[in-house]
Amino acid sequence: MSNQISGYYEELYAYARKRISCGRVAEDIVQDTFARALKRHDLDCVEQPRAYLYQILINLIRDHWRRESRAFQ
């Protein structure tokens, strides 16, 4: 499964980069996405790995935005 999900890196990075101005932060978030996905013990049971990765990525982007908005308050 890890080989299957690694093929989504460029696509996920492009998605993150459109939403986060800093390329390094976007890259870190994508790396965190893969780390979280690979921690899942039953990853082979995920029927739609692309959708699963996007959901993790979106949640991490939202977390980033929350932290950023708090930093400016």
C-alpha atoms as a PDB file:
ATOM      1  CA  MET A   1       0.000   0.000   0.000  1.00  0.00           C
ATOM      2  CA  SER A   2       2.825   2.435   0.758  1.00  0.00           C
ATOM      3  CA  ASN A   3       3.962   2.232  -2.882  1.00  0.00           C
ATOM      4  CA  GLN A   4       0.406   2.901  -3.972  1.00  0.00           C
ATOM      5  CA  ILE A   5       0.009   6.054  -1.878  1.00  0.00           C
ATOM      6  CA  SER A   6       3.458   7.443  -2.637  1.00  0.00           C
ATOM      7  CA  GLY A   7       2.294   8.051  -6.211  1.00  0.00           C
ATOM      8  CA  TYR A   8       0.044  10.832  -4.936  1.00  0.00           C
ATOM      9  CA  TYR A   9       2.837  13.036  -3.584  1.00  0.00           C
ATOM     10  CA  GLU A  10       3.002  15.551  -6.451  1.00  0.00           C
ATOM     11  CA  GLU A  11      -0.776  15.846  -6.648  1.00  0.00           C
ATOM     12  CA  LEU A  12      -1.114  16.431  -2.913  1.00  0.00           C
ATOM     13  CA  TYR A  13       1.752  18.916  -2.907  1.00  0.00           C
ATOM     14  CA  ALA A  14       0.136  20.905  -5.738  1.00  0.00           C
ATOM     15  CA  TYR A  15      -3.140  20.976  -3.797  1.00  0.00           C
ATOM     16  CA  ALA A  16      -1.414  22.121  -0.603  1.00  0.00           C
ATOM     17  CA  ARG A  17       0.707  24.691  -2.417  1.00  0.00           C
ATOM     18  CA  LYS A  18      -2.398  26.372  -3.841  1.00  0.00           C
ATOM     19  CA  ARG A  19      -3.706  26.829  -0.319  1.00  0.00           C
ATOM     20  CA  ILE A  20      -0.518  27.654   1.576  1.00  0.00           C
ATOM     21  CA  SER A  21       1.779  30.450   0.448  1.00  0.00           C
ATOM     22  CA  CYS A  22       4.989  28.944   1.793  1.00  0.00           C
ATOM     23  CA  GLY A  23       6.310  26.000  -0.201  1.00  0.00           C
ATOM     24  CA  ARG A  24       8.249  24.572   2.721  1.00  0.00           C
ATOM     25  CA  VAL A  25       5.179  24.560   4.953  1.00  0.00           C
ATOM     26  CA  ALA A  26       3.153  22.912   2.192  1.00  0.00           C
ATOM     27  CA  GLU A  27       5.836  20.258   1.807  1.00  0.00           C
ATOM     28  CA  ASP A  28       5.901  19.622   5.566  1.00  0.00           C
ATOM     29  CA  ILE A  29       2.134  19.231   5.631  1.00  0.00           C
ATOM     30  CA  VAL A  30       2.225  16.736   2.765  1.00  0.00           C
ATOM     31  CA  GLN A  31       4.965  14.785   4.554  1.00  0.00           C
ATOM     32  CA  ASP A  32       2.836  14.773   7.712  1.00  0.00           C
ATOM     33  CA  THR A  33      -0.063  13.495   5.615  1.00  0.00           C
ATOM     34  CA  PHE A  34       1.939  10.478   4.505  1.00  0.00           C
ATOM     35  CA  ALA A  35       3.310   9.894   8.009  1.00  0.00           C
ATOM     36  CA  ARG A  36      -0.198   9.823   9.460  1.00  0.00           C
ATOM     37  CA  ALA A  37      -1.471   7.541   6.716  1.00  0.00           C
ATOM     38  CA  LEU A  38       1.386   5.103   7.196  1.00  0.00           C
ATOM     39  CA  LYS A  39       0.812   4.969  10.963  1.00  0.00           C
ATOM     40  CA  ARG A  40      -2.578   3.418  10.314  1.00  0.00           C
ATOM     41  CA  HIS A  41      -2.228  -0.326  10.936  1.00  0.00           C
ATOM     42  CA  ASP A  42      -5.088  -1.311   8.644  1.00  0.00           C
ATOM     43  CA  LEU A  43      -4.077   0.892   5.723  1.00  0.00           C
ATOM     44  CA  ASP A  44      -4.586  -2.013   3.331  1.00  0.00           C
ATOM     45  CA  CYS A  45      -8.284  -1.925   4.213  1.00  0.00           C
ATOM     46  CA  VAL A  46      -8.701   1.633   2.947  1.00  0.00           C
ATOM     47  CA  GLU A  47     -10.873   1.341  -0.142  1.00  0.00           C
ATOM     48  CA  GLN A  48     -10.087   4.794  -1.550  1.00  0.00           C
ATOM     49  CA  PRO A  49      -6.510   5.715  -0.612  1.00  0.00           C
ATOM     50  CA  ARG A  50      -6.555   8.950  -2.638  1.00  0.00           C
ATOM     51  CA  ALA A  51      -9.658  10.219  -0.830  1.00  0.00           C
ATOM     52  CA  TYR A  52      -8.175   9.114   2.502  1.00  0.00           C
ATOM     53  CA  LEU A  53      -4.967  11.054   1.835  1.00  0.00           C
ATOM     54  CA  TYR A  54      -6.885  14.150   0.774  1.00  0.00           C
ATOM     55  CA  GLN A  55      -8.967  14.056   3.942  1.00  0.00           C
ATOM     56  CA  ILE A  56      -5.844  13.913   6.090  1.00  0.00           C
ATOM     57  CA  LEU A  57      -4.263  16.712   4.037  1.00  0.00           C
ATOM     58  CA  ILE A  58      -7.327  18.946   4.269  1.00  0.00           C
ATOM     59  CA  ASN A  59      -7.489  18.476   8.027  1.00  0.00           C
ATOM     60  CA  LEU A  60      -3.805  19.357   8.386  1.00  0.00           C
ATOM     61  CA  ILE A  61      -4.236  22.451   6.210  1.00  0.00           C
ATOM     62  CA  ARG A  62      -7.161  23.552   8.383  1.00  0.00           C
ATOM     63  CA  ASP A  63      -5.047  23.013  11.496  1.00  0.00           C
ATOM     64  CA  HIS A  64      -2.316  25.147   9.940  1.00  0.00           C
ATOM     65  CA  TRP A  65      -4.784  27.934   9.142  1.00  0.00           C
ATOM     66  CA  ARG A  66      -6.104  27.845  12.728  1.00  0.00           C
ATOM     67  CA  ARG A  67      -2.601  28.158  14.138  1.00  0.00           C
ATOM     68  CA  GLU A  68      -1.811  30.992  11.742  1.00  0.00           C
ATOM     69  CA  SER A  69      -4.969  32.919  12.636  1.00  0.00           C
ATOM     70  CA  ARG A  70      -4.197  32.580  16.353  1.00  0.00           C
ATOM     71  CA  ALA A  71      -0.687  33.885  15.771  1.00  0.00           C
ATOM     72  CA  PHE A  72      -2.118  37.119  14.378  1.00  0.00           C
ATOM     73  CA  GLN A  73      -4.578  37.715  17.196  1.00  0.00           C
END
